[in-house]
């Protein structure tokens, strides 16, 4: 083999190795959360880079007691920030109630937090019932701590937090939360490791 043929062979081998490395890198490093990718119906839900810890925030329940995100530790949370004056928020409330009913509460739960509310808990419960969402718990944030902590620039904002208290994804804007694909997605990602396939 002459030096030119040998040079071409070495160059081809090098390019081939580089191509294989690029393909393998792309397959392994493309999306570290590939198993957490939301279904297509959640078109506004985006995975969160780095999975930061959820902020230490609190809000009030229907009895006026403080509730912290940390109280839900050990299960996934779908934290939904909404308001009675927000049309898209109201539109998705029945979807969230349908989702809540379909989820195994020991593994994943919907945490709807009404922000900047002037209604008391009783009236807020009536509001949820009037809009077909009476299956949702009443949580109120009167001082915007939840809104500031989750950096909510628009409503509705829904943040998916894992069982260890880290943000997985967030969706700004209304979604079809009651869709069977969403129910299946949340059941799958919250399943105990032995049950995952």
C-alpha atoms as a PDB file:
ATOM      1  CA  UNK A   1       0.000   0.000   0.000  1.00  0.00           C
ATOM      2  CA  UNK A   2       1.526   3.326  -1.003  1.00  0.00           C
ATOM      3  CA  UNK A   3       1.656   6.336   1.322  1.00  0.00           C
ATOM      4  CA  UNK A   4      -1.276   8.090  -0.371  1.00  0.00           C
ATOM      5  CA  UNK A   5      -3.555   5.040  -0.067  1.00  0.00           C
ATOM      6  CA  UNK A   6      -2.428   4.555   3.537  1.00  0.00           C
ATOM      7  CA  UNK A   7      -3.190   8.235   4.312  1.00  0.00           C
ATOM      8  CA  UNK A   8      -6.679   7.939   2.814  1.00  0.00           C
ATOM      9  CA  UNK A   9      -7.319   4.739   4.801  1.00  0.00           C
ATOM     10  CA  UNK A  10      -6.203   6.418   8.051  1.00  0.00           C
ATOM     11  CA  UNK A  11      -8.349   9.473   7.318  1.00  0.00           C
ATOM     12  CA  UNK A  12     -11.376   7.282   6.540  1.00  0.00           C
ATOM     13  CA  UNK A  13     -10.870   5.277   9.716  1.00  0.00           C
ATOM     14  CA  UNK A  14     -10.598   8.488  11.748  1.00  0.00           C
ATOM     15  CA  UNK A  15     -13.754   9.944  10.210  1.00  0.00           C
ATOM     16  CA  UNK A  16     -15.593   6.657  10.796  1.00  0.00           C
ATOM     17  CA  UNK A  17     -14.550   6.629  14.461  1.00  0.00           C
ATOM     18  CA  UNK A  18     -15.627  10.258  14.845  1.00  0.00           C
ATOM     19  CA  UNK A  19     -19.013   9.483  13.274  1.00  0.00           C
ATOM     20  CA  UNK A  20     -19.563   6.514  15.598  1.00  0.00           C
ATOM     21  CA  UNK A  21     -18.579   8.629  18.617  1.00  0.00           C
ATOM     22  CA  UNK A  22     -20.972  11.403  17.539  1.00  0.00           C
ATOM     23  CA  UNK A  23     -23.861   8.950  17.170  1.00  0.00           C
ATOM     24  CA  UNK A  24     -23.151   7.351  20.557  1.00  0.00           C
ATOM     25  CA  UNK A  25     -22.818  10.743  22.248  1.00  0.00           C
ATOM     26  CA  UNK A  26     -26.086  11.875  20.686  1.00  0.00           C
ATOM     27  CA  UNK A  27     -27.868   8.735  21.861  1.00  0.00           C
ATOM     28  CA  UNK A  28     -26.531   8.915  25.407  1.00  0.00           C
ATOM     29  CA  UNK A  29     -26.470  12.660  25.969  1.00  0.00           C
ATOM     30  CA  UNK A  30     -29.462  13.880  23.984  1.00  0.00           C
ATOM     31  CA  UNK A  31     -31.931  14.127  26.848  1.00  0.00           C
ATOM     32  CA  UNK A  32     -31.022  13.058  30.333  1.00  0.00           C
ATOM     33  CA  UNK A  33     -34.710  13.094  31.247  1.00  0.00           C
ATOM     34  CA  UNK A  34     -35.900  11.028  28.295  1.00  0.00           C
ATOM     35  CA  UNK A  35     -37.988   8.812  30.590  1.00  0.00           C
ATOM     36  CA  UNK A  36     -39.638  11.936  32.012  1.00  0.00           C
ATOM     37  CA  UNK A  37     -40.649  13.438  28.662  1.00  0.00           C
ATOM     38  CA  UNK A  38     -44.293  14.529  28.877  1.00  0.00           C
ATOM     39  CA  UNK A  39     -46.838  13.292  26.336  1.00  0.00           C
ATOM     40  CA  UNK A  40     -47.578  15.402  23.243  1.00  0.00           C
ATOM     41  CA  UNK A  41     -50.922  16.550  24.680  1.00  0.00           C
ATOM     42  CA  UNK A  42     -48.909  18.560  27.249  1.00  0.00           C
ATOM     43  CA  UNK A  43     -47.577  20.812  24.508  1.00  0.00           C
ATOM     44  CA  UNK A  44     -46.658  23.656  26.881  1.00  0.00           C
ATOM     45  CA  UNK A  45     -44.851  21.490  29.436  1.00  0.00           C
ATOM     46  CA  UNK A  46     -41.077  21.839  29.223  1.00  0.00           C
ATOM     47  CA  UNK A  47     -38.516  19.803  31.136  1.00  0.00           C
ATOM     48  CA  UNK A  48     -36.495  21.813  33.658  1.00  0.00           C
ATOM     49  CA  UNK A  49     -32.725  21.802  33.211  1.00  0.00           C
ATOM     50  CA  UNK A  50     -30.749  20.619  36.224  1.00  0.00           C
ATOM     51  CA  UNK A  51     -33.788  19.677  38.323  1.00  0.00           C
ATOM     52  CA  UNK A  52     -33.424  22.455  40.932  1.00  0.00           C
ATOM     53  CA  UNK A  53     -34.844  21.958  44.400  1.00  0.00           C
ATOM     54  CA  UNK A  54     -38.348  23.341  44.810  1.00  0.00           C
ATOM     55  CA  UNK A  55     -38.459  26.493  46.942  1.00  0.00           C
ATOM     56  CA  UNK A  56     -39.460  26.326  50.606  1.00  0.00           C
ATOM     57  CA  UNK A  57     -42.871  27.964  50.276  1.00  0.00           C
ATOM     58  CA  UNK A  58     -46.100  27.797  52.269  1.00  0.00           C
ATOM     59  CA  UNK A  59     -49.769  28.612  51.698  1.00  0.00           C
ATOM     60  CA  UNK A  60     -53.032  28.122  53.627  1.00  0.00           C
ATOM     61  CA  UNK A  61     -55.476  25.217  53.421  1.00  0.00           C
ATOM     62  CA  UNK A  62     -59.281  25.444  53.747  1.00  0.00           C
ATOM     63  CA  UNK A  63     -58.994  25.553  57.562  1.00  0.00           C
ATOM     64  CA  UNK A  64     -56.413  28.357  57.478  1.00  0.00           C
ATOM     65  CA  UNK A  65     -53.505  26.106  58.472  1.00  0.00           C
ATOM     66  CA  UNK A  66     -50.080  26.499  56.898  1.00  0.00           C
ATOM     67  CA  UNK A  67     -49.208  23.909  54.249  1.00  0.00           C
ATOM     68  CA  UNK A  68     -45.681  23.610  52.856  1.00  0.00           C
ATOM     69  CA  UNK A  69     -44.535  21.933  49.665  1.00  0.00           C
ATOM     70  CA  UNK A  70     -42.284  19.854  51.923  1.00  0.00           C
ATOM     71  CA  UNK A  71     -45.458  18.347  53.443  1.00  0.00           C
ATOM     72  CA  UNK A  72     -45.918  16.438  50.178  1.00  0.00           C
ATOM     73  CA  UNK A  73     -42.369  15.028  50.194  1.00  0.00           C
ATOM     74  CA  UNK A  74     -42.270  11.390  49.110  1.00  0.00           C
ATOM     75  CA  UNK A  75     -44.734  11.786  46.244  1.00  0.00           C
ATOM     76  CA  UNK A  76     -44.870  13.722  42.996  1.00  0.00           C
ATOM     77  CA  UNK A  77     -46.737  17.039  43.028  1.00  0.00           C
ATOM     78  CA  UNK A  78     -48.394  18.884  40.192  1.00  0.00           C
ATOM     79  CA  UNK A  79     -48.443  22.401  41.689  1.00  0.00           C
ATOM     80  CA  UNK A  80     -50.910  24.576  39.796  1.00  0.00           C
ATOM     81  CA  UNK A  81     -50.977  28.341  40.388  1.00  0.00           C
ATOM     82  CA  UNK A  82     -54.291  29.886  39.408  1.00  0.00           C
ATOM     83  CA  UNK A  83     -56.662  32.761  40.205  1.00  0.00           C
ATOM     84  CA  UNK A  84     -60.426  33.296  40.146  1.00  0.00           C
ATOM     85  CA  UNK A  85     -60.007  36.203  37.701  1.00  0.00           C
ATOM     86  CA  UNK A  86     -57.904  34.158  35.226  1.00  0.00           C
ATOM     87  CA  UNK A  87     -60.021  32.723  32.372  1.00  0.00           C
ATOM     88  CA  UNK A  88     -57.531  30.044  31.212  1.00  0.00           C
ATOM     89  CA  UNK A  89     -57.093  28.987  34.863  1.00  0.00           C
ATOM     90  CA  UNK A  90     -60.826  28.500  35.307  1.00  0.00           C
ATOM     91  CA  UNK A  91     -61.047  26.555  32.045  1.00  0.00           C
ATOM     92  CA  UNK A  92     -58.509  23.968  33.212  1.00  0.00           C
ATOM     93  CA  UNK A  93     -59.873  23.524  36.766  1.00  0.00           C
ATOM     94  CA  UNK A  94     -62.268  20.683  35.764  1.00  0.00           C
ATOM     95  CA  UNK A  95     -59.364  18.982  33.942  1.00  0.00           C
ATOM     96  CA  UNK A  96     -57.245  19.177  37.091  1.00  0.00           C
ATOM     97  CA  UNK A  97     -60.110  17.777  39.174  1.00  0.00           C
ATOM     98  CA  UNK A  98     -60.499  14.879  36.720  1.00  0.00           C
ATOM     99  CA  UNK A  99     -56.749  14.236  36.893  1.00  0.00           C
ATOM    100  CA  UNK A 100     -56.716  14.355  40.706  1.00  0.00           C
ATOM    101  CA  UNK A 101     -59.479  11.748  40.852  1.00  0.00           C
ATOM    102  CA  UNK A 102     -57.560   9.392  38.531  1.00  0.00           C
ATOM    103  CA  UNK A 103     -54.209   9.547  40.365  1.00  0.00           C
ATOM    104  CA  UNK A 104     -52.923   7.268  43.142  1.00  0.00           C
ATOM    105  CA  UNK A 105     -52.708   9.891  45.907  1.00  0.00           C
ATOM    106  CA  UNK A 106     -49.929   8.079  47.739  1.00  0.00           C
ATOM    107  CA  UNK A 107     -47.654   8.603  44.700  1.00  0.00           C
ATOM    108  CA  UNK A 108     -48.750  11.797  42.982  1.00  0.00           C
ATOM    109  CA  UNK A 109     -51.182  14.606  43.780  1.00  0.00           C
ATOM    110  CA  UNK A 110     -52.495  17.860  42.350  1.00  0.00           C
ATOM    111  CA  UNK A 111     -51.746  20.907  44.521  1.00  0.00           C
ATOM    112  CA  UNK A 112     -53.831  23.825  43.174  1.00  0.00           C
ATOM    113  CA  UNK A 113     -52.849  27.100  44.840  1.00  0.00           C
ATOM    114  CA  UNK A 114     -55.085  30.125  44.313  1.00  0.00           C
ATOM    115  CA  UNK A 115     -52.872  33.221  44.304  1.00  0.00           C
ATOM    116  CA  UNK A 116     -53.786  36.788  45.280  1.00  0.00           C
ATOM    117  CA  UNK A 117     -57.189  35.673  46.528  1.00  0.00           C
ATOM    118  CA  UNK A 118     -59.621  37.908  48.351  1.00  0.00           C
ATOM    119  CA  UNK A 119     -62.309  35.234  48.785  1.00  0.00           C
ATOM    120  CA  UNK A 120     -62.357  33.225  51.986  1.00  0.00           C
ATOM    121  CA  UNK A 121     -61.870  29.451  51.865  1.00  0.00           C
ATOM    122  CA  UNK A 122     -65.609  28.718  51.979  1.00  0.00           C
ATOM    123  CA  UNK A 123     -66.376  30.984  49.029  1.00  0.00           C
ATOM    124  CA  UNK A 124     -63.395  29.581  47.166  1.00  0.00           C
ATOM    125  CA  UNK A 125     -64.744  26.051  47.713  1.00  0.00           C
ATOM    126  CA  UNK A 126     -68.092  27.226  46.292  1.00  0.00           C
ATOM    127  CA  UNK A 127     -66.249  28.748  43.322  1.00  0.00           C
ATOM    128  CA  UNK A 128     -64.508  25.421  42.595  1.00  0.00           C
ATOM    129  CA  UNK A 129     -67.826  23.574  42.841  1.00  0.00           C
ATOM    130  CA  UNK A 130     -69.525  26.051  40.522  1.00  0.00           C
ATOM    131  CA  UNK A 131     -66.807  25.412  37.917  1.00  0.00           C
ATOM    132  CA  UNK A 132     -66.895  21.599  38.137  1.00  0.00           C
ATOM    133  CA  UNK A 133     -63.726  21.308  40.193  1.00  0.00           C
ATOM    134  CA  UNK A 134     -65.034  20.506  43.661  1.00  0.00           C
ATOM    135  CA  UNK A 135     -62.743  17.452  43.831  1.00  0.00           C
ATOM    136  CA  UNK A 136     -59.757  19.766  44.245  1.00  0.00           C
ATOM    137  CA  UNK A 137     -58.459  20.806  47.664  1.00  0.00           C
ATOM    138  CA  UNK A 138     -58.622  24.489  48.624  1.00  0.00           C
ATOM    139  CA  UNK A 139     -55.203  26.105  48.980  1.00  0.00           C
ATOM    140  CA  UNK A 140     -54.786  29.887  49.104  1.00  0.00           C
ATOM    141  CA  UNK A 141     -51.696  32.094  48.857  1.00  0.00           C
ATOM    142  CA  UNK A 142     -52.633  35.597  49.964  1.00  0.00           C
ATOM    143  CA  UNK A 143     -49.137  37.139  49.998  1.00  0.00           C
ATOM    144  CA  UNK A 144     -47.733  35.915  46.635  1.00  0.00           C
ATOM    145  CA  UNK A 145     -45.027  33.788  48.316  1.00  0.00           C
ATOM    146  CA  UNK A 146     -45.859  30.806  46.084  1.00  0.00           C
ATOM    147  CA  UNK A 147     -45.973  32.977  42.988  1.00  0.00           C
ATOM    148  CA  UNK A 148     -42.593  34.542  43.810  1.00  0.00           C
ATOM    149  CA  UNK A 149     -41.009  31.266  44.920  1.00  0.00           C
ATOM    150  CA  UNK A 150     -41.947  29.450  41.714  1.00  0.00           C
ATOM    151  CA  UNK A 151     -41.179  32.546  39.587  1.00  0.00           C
ATOM    152  CA  UNK A 152     -44.644  32.663  38.042  1.00  0.00           C
ATOM    153  CA  UNK A 153     -44.792  35.389  35.414  1.00  0.00           C
ATOM    154  CA  UNK A 154     -48.134  34.236  34.042  1.00  0.00           C
ATOM    155  CA  UNK A 155     -51.134  32.180  35.066  1.00  0.00           C
ATOM    156  CA  UNK A 156     -51.926  29.402  35.025  1.00  0.00           C
ATOM    157  CA  UNK A 157     -48.505  27.987  35.816  1.00  0.00           C
ATOM    158  CA  UNK A 158     -48.131  24.306  36.636  1.00  0.00           C
ATOM    159  CA  UNK A 159     -44.900  22.893  38.059  1.00  0.00           C
ATOM    160  CA  UNK A 160     -44.190  19.159  38.278  1.00  0.00           C
ATOM    161  CA  UNK A 161     -42.070  18.335  41.339  1.00  0.00           C
ATOM    162  CA  UNK A 162     -40.668  14.860  41.984  1.00  0.00           C
ATOM    163  CA  UNK A 163     -40.880  12.822  45.190  1.00  0.00           C
ATOM    164  CA  UNK A 164     -37.500  14.191  46.336  1.00  0.00           C
ATOM    165  CA  UNK A 165     -38.625  17.809  45.992  1.00  0.00           C
ATOM    166  CA  UNK A 166     -36.947  18.683  42.686  1.00  0.00           C
ATOM    167  CA  UNK A 167     -38.603  20.450  39.774  1.00  0.00           C
ATOM    168  CA  UNK A 168     -39.028  18.143  36.780  1.00  0.00           C
ATOM    169  CA  UNK A 169     -40.988  20.341  34.358  1.00  0.00           C
ATOM    170  CA  UNK A 170     -43.312  23.311  34.095  1.00  0.00           C
ATOM    171  CA  UNK A 171     -46.157  24.451  31.861  1.00  0.00           C
ATOM    172  CA  UNK A 172     -47.144  28.100  31.409  1.00  0.00           C
ATOM    173  CA  UNK A 173     -50.722  28.208  30.156  1.00  0.00           C
ATOM    174  CA  UNK A 174     -53.675  25.856  30.167  1.00  0.00           C
ATOM    175  CA  UNK A 175     -53.317  22.155  29.393  1.00  0.00           C
ATOM    176  CA  UNK A 176     -55.584  19.116  28.950  1.00  0.00           C
ATOM    177  CA  UNK A 177     -54.710  17.630  32.345  1.00  0.00           C
ATOM    178  CA  UNK A 178     -57.532  15.073  32.336  1.00  0.00           C
ATOM    179  CA  UNK A 179     -56.354  13.380  29.141  1.00  0.00           C
ATOM    180  CA  UNK A 180     -55.644   9.624  29.601  1.00  0.00           C
ATOM    181  CA  UNK A 181     -52.085  10.155  28.269  1.00  0.00           C
ATOM    182  CA  UNK A 182     -51.403  12.606  31.105  1.00  0.00           C
ATOM    183  CA  UNK A 183     -52.830  10.232  33.715  1.00  0.00           C
ATOM    184  CA  UNK A 184     -50.664   7.412  32.344  1.00  0.00           C
ATOM    185  CA  UNK A 185     -47.577   9.655  32.233  1.00  0.00           C
ATOM    186  CA  UNK A 186     -47.927  10.714  35.872  1.00  0.00           C
ATOM    187  CA  UNK A 187     -48.654   7.168  37.038  1.00  0.00           C
ATOM    188  CA  UNK A 188     -45.599   5.901  35.140  1.00  0.00           C
ATOM    189  CA  UNK A 189     -43.068   8.453  36.377  1.00  0.00           C
ATOM    190  CA  UNK A 190     -44.301   8.176  39.970  1.00  0.00           C
ATOM    191  CA  UNK A 191     -44.290   4.380  40.021  1.00  0.00           C
ATOM    192  CA  UNK A 192     -41.883   2.683  42.451  1.00  0.00           C
ATOM    193  CA  UNK A 193     -38.604   1.707  40.691  1.00  0.00           C
ATOM    194  CA  UNK A 194     -39.417  -2.014  40.715  1.00  0.00           C
ATOM    195  CA  UNK A 195     -42.685  -1.368  38.868  1.00  0.00           C
ATOM    196  CA  UNK A 196     -41.109   0.689  36.078  1.00  0.00           C
ATOM    197  CA  UNK A 197     -40.478  -1.104  32.793  1.00  0.00           C
END
